[in-house]
Amino acid sequence: MLADAREFVLRAWWVVTFPGLMILVTVLAFNLLVTACVTPSTRSSNDEHHDQPLLEIEDLHVDFPTQGAVMHAVDGVGLTLDEGEVLAWSASRVRARA
């Protein structure tokens, strides 16, 4: 399949080049934005809570009731986020019902 696509890419290079460049520019822009947001120079140096983490999660549990059972999606997860650290989390969309 890749060998077949190679000939097409050589004949119509613009089909993959411009979308690839846009993906590259988008990723670099997000990278620069995140770096600018978490730069220590943007935070106050007179922070009185300097010894405490910015975010702390302990013993997180997430359960989803299904027909006749309970699915344990997250069981006892914990994390600590300190100043200057970056957390990236990817998960599926979860909808809640009341």
N, C-alpha and C. Protein backbone atom coordinates (compact mmCIF):
# COMPACT_ATOMS: atom_id res chain seq x y z
N MET A 1 0.82 -1.18 0.00
CA MET A 1 0.00 0.00 0.00
C MET A 1 0.88 1.26 0.00
N LEU A 2 1.93 1.28 0.81
CA LEU A 2 2.83 2.42 0.81
C LEU A 2 3.61 2.54 -0.49
N ALA A 3 3.96 1.40 -1.07
CA ALA A 3 4.69 1.44 -2.34
C ALA A 3 3.81 2.03 -3.44
N ASP A 4 2.52 1.74 -3.42
CA ASP A 4 1.60 2.32 -4.40
C ASP A 4 1.46 3.82 -4.20
N ALA A 5 1.45 4.26 -2.94
CA ALA A 5 1.29 5.68 -2.64
C ALA A 5 2.55 6.48 -2.99
N ARG A 6 3.70 5.83 -3.01
CA ARG A 6 4.95 6.52 -3.29
C ARG A 6 4.93 7.18 -4.68
N GLU A 7 4.43 6.48 -5.66
CA GLU A 7 4.37 7.03 -7.01
C GLU A 7 3.44 8.24 -7.06
N PHE A 8 2.32 8.16 -6.35
CA PHE A 8 1.36 9.26 -6.33
C PHE A 8 1.97 10.50 -5.66
N VAL A 9 2.71 10.28 -4.56
CA VAL A 9 3.32 11.40 -3.85
C VAL A 9 4.37 12.08 -4.72
N LEU A 10 5.09 11.31 -5.50
CA LEU A 10 6.09 11.91 -6.38
C LEU A 10 5.47 12.72 -7.51
N ARG A 11 4.29 12.31 -7.97
CA ARG A 11 3.62 13.04 -9.06
C ARG A 11 2.83 14.23 -8.54
N ALA A 12 2.18 14.09 -7.38
CA ALA A 12 1.33 15.17 -6.83
C ALA A 12 1.80 15.49 -5.42
N TRP A 13 2.99 16.04 -5.31
CA TRP A 13 3.63 16.30 -4.02
C TRP A 13 2.86 17.29 -3.16
N TRP A 14 2.12 18.21 -3.77
CA TRP A 14 1.39 19.23 -3.03
C TRP A 14 0.24 18.66 -2.21
N VAL A 15 -0.22 17.46 -2.56
CA VAL A 15 -1.34 16.85 -1.84
C VAL A 15 -0.96 16.53 -0.39
N VAL A 16 0.28 16.15 -0.15
CA VAL A 16 0.72 15.82 1.21
C VAL A 16 1.58 16.92 1.82
N THR A 17 2.22 17.75 1.00
CA THR A 17 3.15 18.75 1.53
C THR A 17 2.42 19.84 2.30
N PHE A 18 1.39 20.45 1.73
CA PHE A 18 0.73 21.56 2.39
C PHE A 18 -0.04 21.14 3.66
N PRO A 19 -0.79 20.05 3.64
CA PRO A 19 -1.39 19.62 4.91
C PRO A 19 -0.33 19.27 5.96
N GLY A 20 0.77 18.66 5.53
CA GLY A 20 1.84 18.34 6.47
C GLY A 20 2.45 19.58 7.09
N LEU A 21 2.64 20.62 6.28
CA LEU A 21 3.17 21.88 6.79
C LEU A 21 2.19 22.54 7.76
N MET A 22 0.91 22.46 7.48
CA MET A 22 -0.09 23.04 8.39
C MET A 22 -0.11 22.30 9.73
N ILE A 23 0.03 20.99 9.70
CA ILE A 23 0.11 20.22 10.94
C ILE A 23 1.36 20.65 11.72
N LEU A 24 2.48 20.81 11.05
CA LEU A 24 3.71 21.23 11.70
C LEU A 24 3.56 22.61 12.34
N VAL A 25 2.99 23.55 11.61
CA VAL A 25 2.79 24.91 12.14
C VAL A 25 1.85 24.89 13.34
N THR A 26 0.78 24.10 13.29
CA THR A 26 -0.16 24.01 14.39
C THR A 26 0.50 23.44 15.64
N VAL A 27 1.26 22.38 15.50
CA VAL A 27 1.93 21.77 16.65
C VAL A 27 2.94 22.74 17.24
N LEU A 28 3.72 23.41 16.41
CA LEU A 28 4.69 24.38 16.92
C LEU A 28 4.01 25.56 17.62
N ALA A 29 2.87 26.01 17.09
CA ALA A 29 2.15 27.11 17.72
C ALA A 29 1.63 26.71 19.10
N PHE A 30 1.07 25.52 19.23
CA PHE A 30 0.60 25.07 20.54
C PHE A 30 1.77 24.90 21.50
N ASN A 31 2.89 24.41 21.00
CA ASN A 31 4.08 24.25 21.83
C ASN A 31 4.55 25.59 22.37
N LEU A 32 4.62 26.60 21.52
CA LEU A 32 5.03 27.93 21.96
C LEU A 32 4.03 28.54 22.92
N LEU A 33 2.74 28.32 22.70
CA LEU A 33 1.71 28.85 23.58
C LEU A 33 1.82 28.25 24.97
N VAL A 34 1.98 26.94 25.06
CA VAL A 34 2.10 26.28 26.36
C VAL A 34 3.37 26.73 27.06
N THR A 35 4.47 26.84 26.33
CA THR A 35 5.72 27.28 26.93
C THR A 35 5.58 28.70 27.48
N ALA A 36 4.90 29.57 26.77
CA ALA A 36 4.71 30.93 27.25
C ALA A 36 3.81 30.98 28.48
N CYS A 37 2.84 30.08 28.55
CA CYS A 37 1.91 30.09 29.68
C CYS A 37 2.54 29.57 30.97
N VAL A 38 3.50 28.69 30.89
CA VAL A 38 4.06 28.10 32.10
C VAL A 38 5.46 28.62 32.41
N THR A 39 5.90 29.66 31.74
CA THR A 39 7.20 30.23 32.03
C THR A 39 7.21 30.81 33.44
N PRO A 40 8.20 30.49 34.25
CA PRO A 40 8.24 30.99 35.63
C PRO A 40 8.22 32.51 35.73
N SER A 41 8.68 33.23 34.72
CA SER A 41 8.69 34.69 34.80
C SER A 41 7.29 35.28 34.80
N THR A 42 6.28 34.53 34.39
CA THR A 42 4.92 35.04 34.38
C THR A 42 4.23 34.87 35.72
N ARG A 43 4.86 34.16 36.65
CA ARG A 43 4.26 33.93 37.96
C ARG A 43 4.86 34.87 38.98
N SER A 44 4.10 35.15 40.01
CA SER A 44 4.56 36.04 41.07
C SER A 44 5.64 35.36 41.90
N SER A 45 6.72 36.08 42.18
CA SER A 45 7.79 35.52 43.01
C SER A 45 7.45 35.60 44.49
N ASN A 46 6.40 36.33 44.87
CA ASN A 46 6.00 36.47 46.27
C ASN A 46 4.86 35.53 46.62
N ASP A 47 4.85 34.35 46.04
CA ASP A 47 3.79 33.37 46.28
C ASP A 47 3.93 32.78 47.68
N GLU A 48 2.90 32.97 48.51
CA GLU A 48 2.99 32.49 49.90
C GLU A 48 2.75 30.99 50.01
N HIS A 49 2.21 30.35 48.96
CA HIS A 49 1.95 28.91 48.97
C HIS A 49 3.04 28.18 48.17
N HIS A 50 4.26 28.63 48.29
CA HIS A 50 5.35 28.10 47.47
C HIS A 50 5.65 26.63 47.74
N ASP A 51 5.40 26.15 48.94
CA ASP A 51 5.71 24.77 49.29
C ASP A 51 4.60 23.80 48.90
N GLN A 52 3.43 24.30 48.54
CA GLN A 52 2.31 23.44 48.20
C GLN A 52 2.27 23.20 46.69
N PRO A 53 1.85 21.99 46.27
CA PRO A 53 1.71 21.74 44.83
C PRO A 53 0.54 22.53 44.25
N LEU A 54 0.61 22.79 42.96
CA LEU A 54 -0.49 23.50 42.29
C LEU A 54 -1.73 22.63 42.17
N LEU A 55 -1.53 21.32 41.97
CA LEU A 55 -2.63 20.38 41.84
C LEU A 55 -2.23 19.07 42.49
N GLU A 56 -3.13 18.54 43.32
CA GLU A 56 -2.86 17.25 43.95
C GLU A 56 -4.14 16.42 43.93
N ILE A 57 -4.05 15.23 43.37
CA ILE A 57 -5.17 14.30 43.30
C ILE A 57 -4.74 13.02 44.00
N GLU A 58 -5.57 12.57 44.93
CA GLU A 58 -5.26 11.35 45.67
C GLU A 58 -6.43 10.38 45.58
N ASP A 59 -6.12 9.13 45.32
CA ASP A 59 -7.09 8.03 45.36
C ASP A 59 -8.34 8.31 44.53
N LEU A 60 -8.14 8.65 43.27
CA LEU A 60 -9.25 8.94 42.36
C LEU A 60 -9.86 7.64 41.85
N HIS A 61 -11.17 7.54 41.93
CA HIS A 61 -11.91 6.38 41.44
C HIS A 61 -13.01 6.87 40.50
N VAL A 62 -13.14 6.21 39.35
CA VAL A 62 -14.22 6.51 38.41
C VAL A 62 -14.85 5.18 38.03
N ASP A 63 -16.15 5.05 38.30
CA ASP A 63 -16.90 3.83 38.00
C ASP A 63 -18.06 4.17 37.07
N PHE A 64 -18.34 3.26 36.15
CA PHE A 64 -19.46 3.41 35.23
C PHE A 64 -20.40 2.23 35.40
N PRO A 65 -21.64 2.51 35.80
CA PRO A 65 -22.60 1.41 35.91
C PRO A 65 -23.03 0.94 34.53
N THR A 66 -23.01 -0.36 34.33
CA THR A 66 -23.48 -0.95 33.08
C THR A 66 -24.61 -1.90 33.43
N GLN A 67 -25.14 -2.57 32.44
CA GLN A 67 -26.25 -3.49 32.69
C GLN A 67 -25.74 -4.68 33.48
N GLY A 68 -26.10 -4.73 34.75
CA GLY A 68 -25.76 -5.87 35.59
C GLY A 68 -24.37 -5.85 36.18
N ALA A 69 -23.58 -4.81 35.96
CA ALA A 69 -22.23 -4.77 36.50
C ALA A 69 -21.76 -3.31 36.61
N VAL A 70 -20.59 -3.15 37.19
CA VAL A 70 -19.96 -1.84 37.30
C VAL A 70 -18.57 -1.92 36.67
N MET A 71 -18.29 -1.01 35.73
CA MET A 71 -16.98 -0.99 35.10
C MET A 71 -16.10 0.01 35.86
N HIS A 72 -14.96 -0.46 36.35
CA HIS A 72 -14.02 0.39 37.08
C HIS A 72 -13.03 0.97 36.07
N ALA A 73 -13.24 2.24 35.67
CA ALA A 73 -12.39 2.86 34.66
C ALA A 73 -11.09 3.36 35.27
N VAL A 74 -11.16 3.96 36.45
CA VAL A 74 -9.99 4.48 37.15
C VAL A 74 -10.08 3.98 38.58
N ASP A 75 -8.98 3.42 39.08
CA ASP A 75 -9.01 2.82 40.41
C ASP A 75 -7.79 3.24 41.22
N GLY A 76 -7.96 4.25 42.08
CA GLY A 76 -6.91 4.65 43.00
C GLY A 76 -5.76 5.42 42.38
N VAL A 77 -6.03 6.27 41.41
CA VAL A 77 -4.97 7.04 40.75
C VAL A 77 -4.70 8.32 41.55
N GLY A 78 -3.45 8.70 41.63
CA GLY A 78 -3.07 9.94 42.27
C GLY A 78 -1.95 10.62 41.50
N LEU A 79 -1.91 11.95 41.57
CA LEU A 79 -0.84 12.68 40.93
C LEU A 79 -0.64 14.01 41.63
N THR A 80 0.55 14.56 41.49
CA THR A 80 0.89 15.87 42.03
C THR A 80 1.53 16.69 40.92
N LEU A 81 1.07 17.92 40.76
CA LEU A 81 1.59 18.82 39.75
C LEU A 81 2.20 20.02 40.46
N ASP A 82 3.51 20.19 40.32
CA ASP A 82 4.22 21.30 40.95
C ASP A 82 4.39 22.44 39.97
N GLU A 83 4.82 23.58 40.48
CA GLU A 83 5.04 24.76 39.66
C GLU A 83 6.08 24.48 38.58
N GLY A 84 5.78 24.88 37.36
CA GLY A 84 6.70 24.69 36.25
C GLY A 84 6.53 23.37 35.53
N GLU A 85 5.70 22.47 36.05
CA GLU A 85 5.47 21.18 35.39
C GLU A 85 4.26 21.29 34.47
N VAL A 86 4.23 20.44 33.47
CA VAL A 86 3.14 20.42 32.50
C VAL A 86 2.50 19.05 32.52
N LEU A 87 1.18 19.01 32.57
CA LEU A 87 0.44 17.76 32.57
C LEU A 87 -0.32 17.66 31.25
N ALA A 88 -0.12 16.58 30.55
CA ALA A 88 -0.86 16.32 29.32
C ALA A 88 -1.67 15.04 29.54
N TRP A 89 -2.96 15.13 29.34
CA TRP A 89 -3.83 14.00 29.61
C TRP A 89 -4.77 13.84 28.44
N SER A 90 -4.83 12.65 27.90
CA SER A 90 -5.71 12.38 26.78
C SER A 90 -6.69 11.29 27.19
N ALA A 91 -7.95 11.54 26.98
CA ALA A 91 -8.97 10.55 27.34
C ALA A 91 -10.15 10.69 26.39
N SER A 92 -10.95 9.66 26.34
CA SER A 92 -12.17 9.71 25.54
C SER A 92 -13.19 10.61 26.20
N ARG A 93 -14.12 11.06 25.44
CA ARG A 93 -15.17 11.89 25.97
C ARG A 93 -16.11 11.06 26.83
N VAL A 94 -16.47 11.59 27.99
CA VAL A 94 -17.37 10.91 28.90
C VAL A 94 -18.59 11.79 29.10
N ARG A 95 -19.76 11.22 28.91
CA ARG A 95 -21.00 11.96 29.11
C ARG A 95 -21.65 11.49 30.40
N ALA A 96 -22.19 12.43 31.13
CA ALA A 96 -22.84 12.09 32.40
C ALA A 96 -24.36 12.19 32.22
N ARG A 97 -25.04 11.29 32.88
CA ARG A 97 -26.50 11.32 32.88
C ARG A 97 -26.97 11.53 34.30
N ALA A 98 -28.01 12.32 34.46
CA ALA A 98 -28.56 12.55 35.80
C ALA A 98 -29.73 11.62 36.01
